[in-house]
Amino acid sequence: MVNFETRSAIALVLSLGLTASVVAQEATTTAQPSADTQQAESSATNWDAGNSSFGNGGVFGAASTDNAGISQRSAAAAYQLGGAGVASSGRSVEGNILTSPTRGRPIRFDNGIFVYPSASIGYGRNDNVLGTQTNKVSSSFFVVRPELVGEIKTHGDRYTLSYQGNYGRYQSSSADNFNHHELWLGGDNYFTTRARLGWGVGYLEKSDPRGSTDRASSTEPDRWHAPIARVLGIYGAPGSIGRLELEGSMMQKRYDNNRATTIASDVDLNTVAGRFYYRFMPKTSVLFEVRNTWADYVWANSTQDNTDTRYYAGFVWDATAKTTGTLKLGRAYKRFDDASRQDASVASWEASVRWAPLTYSTVDLLASRAPLDSTGTGNYVLNNATTLTWNHKWASYVSSRLNYGVIKSDYKGSTREDDTKNYGVGFFHELGYRMRAGIDWTRTDRTSNDQLYNFKRDVTMVTLEAVL
């Protein structure tokens, strides 16, 4: 029997969801892996040192990375990224495998189901909604992001069903309004101390903001939907000398509008990957990875069908000299089925490193270099991206975030080259254990040797986040 407090919480969540459907889009939760239920009910919310829900983009649960690539992130405001694609994330398996993370305190039901509601809202101004050099459109906007995670644990296994809604409304550019939906059903199964399996299926409804791709401009964003699935098998006990991971994923991405220009972007993506970890020090392992993605474009006249293969070797370390991270170096190959397109063979890397000089201060480095499919210009795009983020807690209830990123995009088969710089600063104030208010400013400055693609954008917004 659900008590009065539970019914009130459910009513609050439904009200937030209904409000969201009337008003506003996309952002990413910075949630921690779910802890023991009793601890989750009594502990305060971990806001992850000033990381705003609206300051990131495109990560869908535990399932996907952005096939459109970092180039889309450089052209779209962070709060309106659409995300795309399925590939290996190389995420840690010490917490959740492919189930959704949770935060806050759950609503408890007598049948063993726990529900974690949360919501974020933001109001701000974007001085260049379309990311153009001329004929700029400036608009205030309102975004709402409700999230609901249902969890059940049985016999050591964990299952979650999650929904993230992201809705946005522009006051002066209603054609760019968006309604994004993410639904994800995931399971983490622990067969023995050595053998584990994560699986998940999901469905996306999203859009590519105008100006975020190289397709011909249209009067509204390119909207698309996609079913997705992912499975990750792990053999090797936590802390063992060796660990093997085998992974597979699929996505069928289909555009729903602007078919004159989007018909060539419908694509089926299928990925397989294998990783082997060998621990040669107490908290340090060497890593070997092979990853292969087949991109099959649906349009009969497309010449973009290709196979993307990547070989990596690197290191994974935890809490060594105040740092935690993954560093992978290797080579990436993109081979096109059509002989008219030039293949790619380039040095590639992926790095994610966190330095924590103090318990209340962290510096995160993200870096990558890889070839990505073109959305209109050139054979493919070689992206080289680096981002630094400093999160700091000035007091128990006041925190800040400072970030800087640079993206170099080389459009192979074309003379176009872009350099994009992103700056950001945010300050956040906790309002008790369950709410946080913030103010956030970001600037994007893209310089291209093709003057048509130069643009600058400033986005300022205030945010409010709440969990139960």
Protein backbone atom coordinates (compact mmCIF):
# COMPACT_ATOMS: atom_id res chain seq x y z
CA MET A 1 0.00 0.00 0.00
CA VAL A 2 1.44 3.35 -1.03
CA ASN A 3 1.28 5.95 1.72
CA PHE A 4 0.20 9.59 1.44
CA GLU A 5 3.78 10.84 1.05
CA THR A 6 4.33 8.49 -1.87
CA ARG A 7 1.10 9.56 -3.60
CA SER A 8 2.08 13.21 -3.20
CA ALA A 9 5.50 12.57 -4.72
CA ILE A 10 3.95 10.77 -7.69
CA ALA A 11 1.57 13.68 -8.24
CA LEU A 12 4.53 16.09 -8.18
CA VAL A 13 6.40 14.06 -10.80
CA LEU A 14 3.36 13.84 -13.08
CA SER A 15 2.80 17.57 -12.76
CA LEU A 16 6.40 18.27 -13.78
CA GLY A 17 6.08 15.94 -16.74
CA LEU A 18 2.87 17.61 -17.94
CA THR A 19 4.44 21.03 -17.56
CA ALA A 20 7.42 19.84 -19.58
CA SER A 21 5.21 18.73 -22.48
CA VAL A 22 3.85 22.27 -22.71
CA VAL A 23 7.13 24.03 -22.47
CA ALA A 24 10.71 22.96 -23.44
CA GLN A 25 14.89 19.81 -24.67
CA GLU A 26 18.01 17.94 -24.21
CA ALA A 27 20.51 17.68 -21.40
CA THR A 28 22.43 15.05 -19.52
CA THR A 29 22.11 14.00 -15.88
CA THR A 30 25.33 13.87 -13.92
CA ALA A 31 24.19 11.01 -11.74
CA GLN A 32 26.12 8.62 -9.59
CA PRO A 33 25.73 4.82 -9.73
CA SER A 34 22.93 3.71 -7.44
CA ALA A 35 24.03 2.83 -3.96
CA ASP A 36 22.41 0.54 -1.44
CA THR A 37 18.74 1.49 -1.12
CA GLN A 38 18.86 2.18 2.62
CA GLN A 39 21.81 4.54 2.13
CA ALA A 40 20.09 6.25 -0.81
CA GLU A 41 17.07 7.07 1.32
CA SER A 42 19.05 8.69 4.09
CA SER A 43 21.86 10.42 2.18
CA ALA A 44 21.99 13.90 0.72
CA THR A 45 22.10 14.51 -3.01
CA ASN A 46 25.52 14.46 -4.68
CA TRP A 47 25.48 17.32 -7.20
CA ASP A 48 28.92 16.39 -8.60
CA ALA A 49 30.75 19.64 -7.87
CA GLY A 50 28.82 22.15 -9.91
CA ASN A 51 27.99 20.17 -13.04
CA SER A 52 24.75 21.53 -14.45
CA SER A 53 22.29 19.26 -16.22
CA PHE A 54 22.11 21.79 -19.04
CA GLY A 55 25.85 22.09 -19.49
CA ASN A 56 26.39 18.79 -21.28
CA GLY A 57 24.76 17.01 -24.12
CA GLY A 58 23.91 13.84 -25.87
CA VAL A 59 24.59 10.97 -23.52
CA PHE A 60 21.68 8.59 -23.51
CA GLY A 61 21.64 6.53 -20.32
CA ALA A 62 24.43 4.03 -20.72
CA ALA A 63 23.76 3.49 -24.37
CA SER A 64 25.16 5.85 -26.94
CA THR A 65 27.71 8.24 -28.25
CA ASP A 66 27.25 10.91 -30.87
CA ASN A 67 27.65 9.55 -34.40
CA ALA A 68 27.27 13.04 -35.84
CA GLY A 69 30.36 13.76 -33.81
CA ILE A 70 31.85 16.65 -31.95
CA SER A 71 31.19 18.85 -34.97
CA GLN A 72 27.52 18.94 -33.99
CA ARG A 73 28.44 19.90 -30.46
CA SER A 74 30.41 22.87 -31.75
CA ALA A 75 27.45 24.19 -33.75
CA ALA A 76 24.60 23.61 -31.29
CA ALA A 77 24.08 25.09 -27.85
CA ALA A 78 24.78 22.55 -25.13
CA TYR A 79 21.20 22.45 -23.90
CA GLN A 80 19.82 21.53 -27.35
CA LEU A 81 22.14 18.77 -28.53
CA GLY A 82 20.39 15.91 -30.23
CA GLY A 83 22.90 13.10 -29.86
CA ALA A 84 23.10 10.20 -32.29
CA GLY A 85 24.66 6.86 -32.90
CA VAL A 86 25.65 3.82 -30.91
CA ALA A 87 29.23 2.91 -30.14
CA SER A 88 31.40 1.68 -27.32
CA SER A 89 31.68 4.00 -24.38
CA GLY A 90 34.39 2.04 -22.62
CA ARG A 91 32.72 2.92 -19.35
CA SER A 92 33.75 1.54 -15.98
CA VAL A 93 31.96 -1.63 -14.96
CA GLU A 94 32.59 -1.26 -11.23
CA GLY A 95 29.19 0.42 -10.75
CA ASN A 96 26.26 -0.10 -13.09
CA ILE A 97 26.86 -1.98 -16.32
CA LEU A 98 24.01 -0.92 -18.63
CA THR A 99 21.27 -0.01 -16.18
CA SER A 100 20.44 3.65 -15.61
CA PRO A 101 22.08 5.53 -12.73
CA THR A 102 19.96 7.14 -10.03
CA ARG A 103 20.22 10.05 -7.64
CA GLY A 104 18.23 11.32 -4.71
CA ARG A 105 15.80 9.39 -2.54
CA PRO A 106 13.44 6.78 -4.00
CA ILE A 107 9.71 6.29 -3.72
CA ARG A 108 9.34 2.79 -2.24
CA PHE A 109 6.62 0.34 -3.22
CA ASP A 110 5.70 -2.84 -1.34
CA ASN A 111 6.47 -5.01 -4.39
CA GLY A 112 10.16 -4.08 -4.26
CA ILE A 113 10.12 -1.39 -6.95
CA PHE A 114 11.92 1.89 -6.28
CA VAL A 115 11.21 5.04 -8.33
CA TYR A 116 13.65 7.98 -8.50
CA PRO A 117 12.12 11.21 -9.86
CA SER A 118 14.06 14.36 -10.73
CA ALA A 119 13.56 17.46 -12.86
CA SER A 120 15.53 20.42 -14.20
CA ILE A 121 14.31 23.69 -15.64
CA GLY A 122 16.21 26.52 -17.25
CA TYR A 123 15.51 29.98 -18.61
CA GLY A 124 17.97 31.99 -20.63
CA ARG A 125 18.93 33.83 -23.80
CA ASN A 126 20.71 32.61 -26.92
CA ASP A 127 22.04 35.43 -29.11
CA ASN A 128 22.56 33.21 -32.19
CA VAL A 129 20.07 30.34 -32.22
CA LEU A 130 20.94 29.17 -35.76
CA GLY A 131 24.73 29.46 -35.42
CA THR A 132 25.15 31.78 -38.42
CA GLN A 133 27.49 34.65 -39.23
CA THR A 134 24.78 36.90 -40.70
CA ASN A 135 21.02 37.21 -40.21
CA LYS A 136 21.37 36.13 -36.59
CA VAL A 137 18.30 35.12 -34.63
CA SER A 138 18.37 36.03 -30.94
CA SER A 139 15.81 34.59 -28.56
CA SER A 140 15.04 33.88 -24.97
CA PHE A 141 14.20 30.24 -24.30
CA PHE A 142 12.75 27.97 -21.66
CA VAL A 143 13.75 24.32 -21.19
CA VAL A 144 12.35 21.60 -18.94
CA ARG A 145 13.82 18.17 -18.36
CA PRO A 146 11.91 15.61 -16.27
CA GLU A 147 13.49 12.25 -15.51
CA LEU A 148 12.09 9.10 -13.98
CA VAL A 149 14.04 5.94 -13.14
CA GLY A 150 12.33 2.78 -11.92
CA GLU A 151 14.57 0.18 -10.27
CA ILE A 152 14.17 -3.35 -9.02
CA LYS A 153 16.83 -5.61 -7.51
CA THR A 154 16.48 -9.37 -7.21
CA HIS A 155 18.97 -12.14 -6.43
CA GLY A 156 21.88 -9.74 -6.91
CA ASP A 157 20.66 -8.56 -10.33
CA ARG A 158 19.44 -5.04 -11.13
CA TYR A 159 16.85 -3.83 -13.66
CA THR A 160 15.84 -0.27 -14.54
CA LEU A 161 13.29 1.44 -16.76
CA SER A 162 14.05 5.11 -17.33
CA TYR A 163 12.57 8.04 -19.20
CA GLN A 164 14.18 11.39 -19.95
CA GLY A 165 12.13 14.13 -21.55
CA ASN A 166 13.74 17.31 -22.85
CA TYR A 167 11.48 20.06 -24.12
CA GLY A 168 12.36 23.57 -25.30
CA ARG A 169 10.51 26.67 -26.38
CA TYR A 170 12.04 29.77 -28.04
CA GLN A 171 10.19 33.04 -27.66
CA SER A 172 11.41 34.50 -30.97
CA SER A 173 12.11 31.37 -33.01
CA SER A 174 9.25 28.94 -32.52
CA ALA A 175 10.31 26.87 -35.56
CA ASP A 176 13.27 25.68 -33.48
CA ASN A 177 11.19 24.38 -30.56
CA PHE A 178 11.99 20.79 -29.67
CA ASN A 179 10.52 17.79 -27.85
CA HIS A 180 13.03 15.03 -27.14
CA HIS A 181 12.29 11.66 -25.57
CA GLU A 182 14.59 8.88 -24.35
CA LEU A 183 13.26 5.54 -23.11
CA TRP A 184 15.66 2.85 -21.84
CA LEU A 185 15.10 -0.61 -20.36
CA GLY A 186 18.28 -2.13 -18.95
CA GLY A 187 19.42 -5.12 -16.93
CA ASP A 188 22.63 -6.03 -15.07
CA ASN A 189 22.92 -9.77 -14.44
CA TYR A 190 25.58 -11.29 -12.18
CA PHE A 191 25.88 -15.01 -12.88
CA THR A 192 29.05 -15.71 -10.86
CA THR A 193 31.77 -13.63 -9.24
CA ARG A 194 33.51 -13.69 -12.63
CA ALA A 195 30.70 -13.59 -15.21
CA ARG A 196 28.45 -10.54 -15.66
CA LEU A 197 26.16 -9.30 -18.41
CA GLY A 198 24.61 -5.92 -19.11
CA TRP A 199 21.88 -5.43 -21.69
CA GLY A 200 19.50 -2.72 -22.75
CA VAL A 201 16.97 -1.68 -25.36
CA GLY A 202 15.69 1.81 -25.95
CA TYR A 203 13.94 4.29 -28.18
CA LEU A 204 14.90 7.88 -29.06
CA GLU A 205 12.99 10.79 -30.54
CA LYS A 206 15.31 13.76 -31.10
CA SER A 207 16.38 16.42 -33.59
CA ASP A 208 19.45 18.03 -35.12
CA PRO A 209 19.29 21.79 -34.39
CA ARG A 210 19.50 24.01 -37.45
CA GLY A 211 23.11 24.83 -38.26
CA SER A 212 24.50 21.76 -36.46
CA THR A 213 25.04 19.75 -39.66
CA ASP A 214 26.22 20.50 -43.21
CA ARG A 215 22.91 19.58 -44.79
CA ALA A 216 21.09 22.33 -46.69
CA SER A 217 19.30 24.75 -44.38
CA SER A 218 15.58 24.29 -43.80
CA THR A 219 12.79 26.09 -42.01
CA GLU A 220 12.87 23.76 -38.99
CA PRO A 221 15.26 21.32 -37.26
CA ASP A 222 15.76 17.84 -38.73
CA ARG A 223 13.74 15.49 -36.52
CA TRP A 224 14.48 11.77 -36.22
CA HIS A 225 13.72 8.61 -34.26
CA ALA A 226 15.72 5.46 -33.55
CA PRO A 227 15.35 2.14 -31.75
CA ILE A 228 18.61 1.06 -30.10
CA ALA A 229 19.97 -1.99 -28.34
CA ARG A 230 23.22 -2.83 -26.56
CA VAL A 231 24.75 -5.83 -24.78
CA LEU A 232 28.01 -6.01 -22.79
CA GLY A 233 29.43 -9.26 -21.46
CA ILE A 234 32.22 -9.27 -18.86
CA TYR A 235 34.38 -12.14 -17.67
CA GLY A 236 36.74 -11.52 -14.78
CA ALA A 237 36.08 -10.71 -11.16
CA PRO A 238 36.48 -7.11 -9.97
CA GLY A 239 40.09 -6.69 -8.92
CA SER A 240 41.28 -9.79 -10.81
CA ILE A 241 44.48 -9.74 -12.85
CA GLY A 242 42.65 -10.17 -16.15
CA ARG A 243 39.24 -9.10 -17.46
CA LEU A 244 37.61 -9.61 -20.84
CA GLU A 245 34.72 -7.56 -22.27
CA LEU A 246 32.70 -8.30 -25.40
CA GLU A 247 30.16 -5.79 -26.63
CA GLY A 248 27.58 -5.32 -29.38
CA SER A 249 25.11 -2.56 -30.24
CA MET A 250 22.72 -1.47 -32.96
CA MET A 251 20.78 1.60 -33.97
CA GLN A 252 18.33 2.32 -36.79
CA LYS A 253 18.16 6.08 -37.30
CA ARG A 254 15.38 7.48 -39.48
CA TYR A 255 14.55 11.12 -40.21
CA ASP A 256 10.92 12.24 -40.10
CA ASN A 257 10.92 15.60 -41.92
CA ASN A 258 12.84 17.74 -44.44
CA ARG A 259 13.13 14.62 -46.57
CA ALA A 260 14.59 16.46 -49.55
CA THR A 261 17.79 16.91 -47.55
CA THR A 262 17.65 14.23 -44.84
CA ILE A 263 16.89 11.18 -46.99
CA ALA A 264 20.62 10.53 -47.39
CA SER A 265 21.16 10.50 -43.60
CA ASP A 266 18.97 7.51 -42.69
CA VAL A 267 21.44 4.93 -41.42
CA ASP A 268 21.76 1.57 -39.68
CA LEU A 269 24.70 1.41 -37.26
CA ASN A 270 25.98 -1.90 -35.92
CA THR A 271 28.98 -2.14 -33.59
CA VAL A 272 31.01 -4.96 -32.06
CA ALA A 273 33.93 -4.48 -29.70
CA GLY A 274 36.32 -6.48 -27.59
CA ARG A 275 38.49 -5.28 -24.70
CA PHE A 276 41.05 -7.01 -22.53
CA TYR A 277 42.39 -5.58 -19.26
CA TYR A 278 45.53 -6.87 -17.58
CA ARG A 279 46.28 -5.54 -14.08
CA PHE A 280 50.05 -5.21 -13.59
CA MET A 281 49.87 -2.89 -10.56
CA PRO A 282 47.33 -2.79 -7.69
CA LYS A 283 45.31 0.01 -9.29
CA THR A 284 46.61 0.13 -12.85
CA SER A 285 45.75 -2.07 -15.85
CA VAL A 286 46.90 -2.18 -19.43
CA LEU A 287 44.06 -2.15 -21.95
CA PHE A 288 43.73 -3.55 -25.48
CA GLU A 289 40.64 -2.78 -27.55
CA VAL A 290 39.29 -3.55 -31.03
CA ARG A 291 36.10 -1.84 -32.20
CA ASN A 292 34.26 -2.17 -35.50
CA THR A 293 31.20 -0.20 -36.68
CA TRP A 294 29.27 -0.83 -39.89
CA ALA A 295 27.36 2.18 -41.23
CA ASP A 296 24.75 1.16 -43.80
CA TYR A 297 22.92 4.13 -45.33
CA VAL A 298 19.38 3.34 -46.42
CA TRP A 299 19.13 5.62 -49.47
CA ALA A 300 19.85 3.61 -52.61
CA ASN A 301 21.99 6.39 -54.14
CA SER A 302 24.16 6.90 -51.06
CA THR A 303 27.93 6.47 -51.36
CA GLN A 304 28.54 6.73 -47.59
CA ASP A 305 28.33 3.04 -46.60
CA ASN A 306 31.51 2.32 -44.66
CA THR A 307 33.25 0.21 -42.06
CA ASP A 308 34.95 2.03 -39.16
CA THR A 309 37.63 -0.06 -37.42
CA ARG A 310 39.70 1.10 -34.45
CA TYR A 311 42.61 -0.54 -32.63
CA TYR A 312 43.66 0.83 -29.25
CA ALA A 313 46.16 0.08 -26.52
CA GLY A 314 46.40 2.04 -23.31
CA PHE A 315 46.08 2.21 -19.56
CA VAL A 316 43.32 2.42 -16.97
CA TRP A 317 44.18 3.57 -13.48
CA ASP A 318 42.25 4.41 -10.33
CA ALA A 319 43.17 6.82 -7.53
CA THR A 320 46.87 6.83 -8.41
CA ALA A 321 48.59 10.05 -7.30
CA LYS A 322 45.18 11.69 -7.01
CA THR A 323 44.26 10.86 -10.61
CA THR A 324 41.80 8.44 -12.19
CA GLY A 325 41.52 7.86 -15.88
CA THR A 326 41.67 5.99 -19.15
CA LEU A 327 44.14 6.64 -21.96
CA LYS A 328 43.89 4.80 -25.29
CA LEU A 329 46.19 5.30 -28.28
CA GLY A 330 45.90 3.56 -31.62
CA ARG A 331 44.76 3.80 -35.20
CA ALA A 332 41.40 4.26 -36.89
CA TYR A 333 40.42 3.08 -40.36
CA LYS A 334 37.32 4.10 -42.29
CA ARG A 335 36.78 2.05 -45.45
CA PHE A 336 34.03 3.09 -47.87
CA ASP A 337 32.17 0.61 -50.05
CA ASP A 338 32.12 3.13 -52.92
CA ALA A 339 35.48 3.47 -54.64
CA SER A 340 34.85 7.15 -55.38
CA ARG A 341 35.30 7.98 -51.70
CA GLN A 342 38.77 8.19 -50.16
CA ASP A 343 39.37 5.83 -47.23
CA ALA A 344 40.79 7.01 -43.90
CA SER A 345 43.80 5.69 -42.01
CA VAL A 346 44.71 8.00 -39.12
CA ALA A 347 46.25 8.03 -35.66
CA SER A 348 43.47 7.99 -33.09
CA TRP A 349 43.13 8.37 -29.34
CA GLU A 350 40.60 8.60 -26.54
CA ALA A 351 41.43 9.98 -23.11
CA SER A 352 39.42 10.67 -19.97
CA VAL A 353 41.42 11.77 -16.91
CA ARG A 354 40.29 13.24 -13.58
CA TRP A 355 42.76 14.97 -11.25
CA ALA A 356 41.54 15.61 -7.70
CA PRO A 357 44.15 17.75 -5.91
CA LEU A 358 41.62 18.38 -3.12
CA THR A 359 38.57 16.47 -1.94
CA TYR A 360 36.39 19.41 -3.03
CA SER A 361 38.12 20.26 -6.30
CA THR A 362 38.51 18.27 -9.53
CA VAL A 363 39.97 18.89 -12.98
CA ASP A 364 38.69 16.73 -15.88
CA LEU A 365 40.44 16.27 -19.21
CA LEU A 366 38.64 14.77 -22.20
CA ALA A 367 40.47 14.32 -25.50
CA SER A 368 39.81 12.43 -28.72
CA ARG A 369 40.92 12.16 -32.33
CA ALA A 370 38.91 10.12 -34.84
CA PRO A 371 37.35 10.19 -38.32
CA LEU A 372 33.58 10.67 -38.42
CA ASP A 373 30.96 10.45 -41.15
CA SER A 374 30.26 13.65 -43.04
CA THR A 375 26.82 15.27 -43.03
CA GLY A 376 27.37 16.96 -46.38
CA THR A 377 30.90 18.35 -46.80
CA GLY A 378 33.87 16.19 -47.77
CA ASN A 379 34.41 12.42 -47.65
CA TYR A 380 34.65 12.37 -43.85
CA VAL A 381 35.56 14.69 -40.98
CA LEU A 382 38.72 14.25 -38.91
CA ASN A 383 37.99 15.72 -35.49
CA ASN A 384 40.60 16.53 -32.86
CA ALA A 385 38.98 17.69 -29.61
CA THR A 386 40.21 18.60 -26.14
CA THR A 387 38.16 19.85 -23.19
CA LEU A 388 39.24 20.91 -19.69
CA THR A 389 36.69 21.33 -16.87
CA TRP A 390 37.40 22.55 -13.33
CA ASN A 391 34.75 21.88 -10.68
CA HIS A 392 35.28 23.44 -7.25
CA LYS A 393 33.27 23.63 -4.03
CA TRP A 394 33.79 26.94 -2.28
CA ALA A 395 31.54 26.01 0.64
CA SER A 396 29.25 23.14 1.55
CA TYR A 397 26.46 24.75 -0.49
CA VAL A 398 28.31 26.85 -3.15
CA SER A 399 30.15 25.42 -6.15
CA SER A 400 31.41 26.49 -9.55
CA ARG A 401 32.38 25.10 -12.93
CA LEU A 402 34.92 26.53 -15.38
CA ASN A 403 35.51 24.87 -18.74
CA TYR A 404 37.44 25.42 -21.97
CA GLY A 405 37.41 23.30 -25.10
CA VAL A 406 38.85 23.41 -28.60
CA ILE A 407 37.76 21.36 -31.61
CA LYS A 408 39.74 21.17 -34.85
CA SER A 409 37.73 19.73 -37.75
CA ASP A 410 39.40 18.83 -41.03
CA TYR A 411 36.92 17.99 -43.81
CA LYS A 412 38.83 15.45 -45.91
CA GLY A 413 38.03 15.66 -49.59
CA SER A 414 37.29 19.35 -49.14
CA THR A 415 39.42 22.41 -48.40
CA ARG A 416 37.32 23.32 -45.37
CA GLU A 417 38.95 23.44 -41.92
CA ASP A 418 37.27 24.68 -38.74
CA ASP A 419 38.61 25.71 -35.34
CA THR A 420 35.97 25.97 -32.64
CA LYS A 421 36.55 27.26 -29.12
CA ASN A 422 34.06 26.80 -26.30
CA TYR A 423 34.22 28.67 -22.98
CA GLY A 424 31.94 28.33 -20.01
CA VAL A 425 31.50 29.33 -16.40
CA GLY A 426 28.76 28.46 -13.92
CA PHE A 427 27.97 29.08 -10.27
CA PHE A 428 25.57 26.92 -8.25
CA HIS A 429 23.88 27.24 -4.87
CA GLU A 430 22.32 24.30 -3.08
CA LEU A 431 18.89 25.02 -1.64
CA GLY A 432 18.74 22.35 1.01
CA TYR A 433 19.52 18.72 0.22
CA ARG A 434 17.15 18.28 -2.73
CA MET A 435 17.35 21.45 -4.86
CA ARG A 436 20.04 23.48 -6.56
CA ALA A 437 19.93 26.81 -8.39
CA GLY A 438 22.56 28.01 -10.83
CA ILE A 439 23.59 30.61 -13.37
CA ASP A 440 25.55 29.58 -16.44
CA TRP A 441 27.29 31.36 -19.35
CA THR A 442 28.82 29.74 -22.42
CA ARG A 443 30.47 31.14 -25.55
CA THR A 444 31.11 29.32 -28.83
CA ASP A 445 33.49 30.84 -31.38
CA ARG A 446 34.00 28.97 -34.65
CA THR A 447 36.55 30.14 -37.22
CA SER A 448 36.61 28.47 -40.64
CA ASN A 449 38.61 29.02 -43.82
CA ASP A 450 35.18 29.02 -45.47
CA GLN A 451 33.74 32.31 -44.24
CA LEU A 452 30.21 30.95 -44.55
CA TYR A 453 30.73 28.80 -41.43
CA ASN A 454 32.16 31.46 -39.08
CA PHE A 455 29.95 32.29 -36.10
CA LYS A 456 29.92 33.37 -32.47
CA ARG A 457 27.30 32.59 -29.87
CA ASP A 458 26.71 33.58 -26.24
CA VAL A 459 24.18 31.71 -24.10
CA THR A 460 23.27 32.80 -20.58
CA MET A 461 20.77 30.92 -18.45
CA VAL A 462 19.55 30.29 -14.93
CA THR A 463 18.72 26.75 -13.85
CA LEU A 464 16.89 24.94 -11.09
CA GLU A 465 17.37 21.22 -10.39
CA ALA A 466 15.36 19.12 -7.97
CA VAL A 467 15.32 15.52 -6.77
CA LEU A 468 13.06 13.79 -4.31
